Amino acid sequence: MKYLGSKKVKDFYVYNELMMRRDSFYENKKIAIRLIATALGII
């Protein structure tokens, strides 16, 4: 996937490309970070 590369991508670019509203993007980002942390046993 192009978002998982080594190049830094700004949030604005990602939610613009995915045609998401800013609010829903940040809500999904927060949920995804929490799920990844839980899966890795950090939380």
C-alpha atoms as a PDB file:
ATOM      1  CA  MET A   1       0.000   0.000   0.000  1.00  0.00           C
ATOM      2  CA  LYS A   2       1.214   3.469  -0.743  1.00  0.00           C
ATOM      3  CA  TYR A   3       0.459   4.727   2.788  1.00  0.00           C
ATOM      4  CA  LEU A   4       2.693   2.138   4.457  1.00  0.00           C
ATOM      5  CA  GLY A   5       5.913   3.130   2.702  1.00  0.00           C
ATOM      6  CA  SER A   6       8.932   4.731   4.316  1.00  0.00           C
ATOM      7  CA  LYS A   7       7.991   8.189   3.017  1.00  0.00           C
ATOM      8  CA  LYS A   8       6.168  10.465   5.500  1.00  0.00           C
ATOM      9  CA  VAL A   9       2.671  11.416   4.383  1.00  0.00           C
ATOM     10  CA  LYS A  10       0.629  14.196   5.966  1.00  0.00           C
ATOM     11  CA  ASP A  11      -2.817  13.428   7.395  1.00  0.00           C
ATOM     12  CA  PHE A  12      -4.430  15.952   5.046  1.00  0.00           C
ATOM     13  CA  TYR A  13      -3.174  14.026   2.011  1.00  0.00           C
ATOM     14  CA  VAL A  14      -4.504  10.703   3.315  1.00  0.00           C
ATOM     15  CA  TYR A  15      -8.010  11.833   4.224  1.00  0.00           C
ATOM     16  CA  ASN A  16      -8.226  13.833   1.005  1.00  0.00           C
ATOM     17  CA  GLU A  17      -7.218  10.758  -1.047  1.00  0.00           C
ATOM     18  CA  LEU A  18      -9.719   8.565   0.827  1.00  0.00           C
ATOM     19  CA  MET A  19     -12.405  11.259   0.425  1.00  0.00           C
ATOM     20  CA  MET A  20     -13.142  11.213   4.148  1.00  0.00           C
ATOM     21  CA  ARG A  21     -14.291  14.053   6.324  1.00  0.00           C
ATOM     22  CA  ARG A  22     -11.673  15.273   8.740  1.00  0.00           C
ATOM     23  CA  ASP A  23     -13.705  14.262  11.822  1.00  0.00           C
ATOM     24  CA  SER A  24     -14.261  10.669  10.734  1.00  0.00           C
ATOM     25  CA  PHE A  25     -10.615  10.346   9.645  1.00  0.00           C
ATOM     26  CA  TYR A  26      -9.271  11.255  13.079  1.00  0.00           C
ATOM     27  CA  GLU A  27     -11.831   9.037  14.826  1.00  0.00           C
ATOM     28  CA  ASN A  28     -10.790   6.067  12.648  1.00  0.00           C
ATOM     29  CA  LYS A  29      -7.099   6.890  13.164  1.00  0.00           C
ATOM     30  CA  LYS A  30      -7.554   6.881  16.954  1.00  0.00           C
ATOM     31  CA  ILE A  31      -9.365   3.529  16.833  1.00  0.00           C
ATOM     32  CA  ALA A  32      -6.699   2.023  14.543  1.00  0.00           C
ATOM     33  CA  ILE A  33      -3.837   3.123  16.806  1.00  0.00           C
ATOM     34  CA  ARG A  34      -5.609   1.648  19.828  1.00  0.00           C
ATOM     35  CA  LEU A  35      -6.228  -1.669  18.004  1.00  0.00           C
ATOM     36  CA  ILE A  36      -2.597  -1.927  16.868  1.00  0.00           C
ATOM     37  CA  ALA A  37      -1.334  -1.165  20.382  1.00  0.00           C
ATOM     38  CA  THR A  38      -3.678  -3.783  21.849  1.00  0.00           C
ATOM     39  CA  ALA A  39      -2.571  -6.375  19.299  1.00  0.00           C
ATOM     40  CA  LEU A  40       1.087  -5.714  20.115  1.00  0.00           C
ATOM     41  CA  GLY A  41       0.403  -5.989  23.826  1.00  0.00           C
ATOM     42  CA  ILE A  42       1.340  -2.392  24.570  1.00  0.00           C
ATOM     43  CA  ILE A  43      -2.006  -1.607  26.210  1.00  0.00           C
END
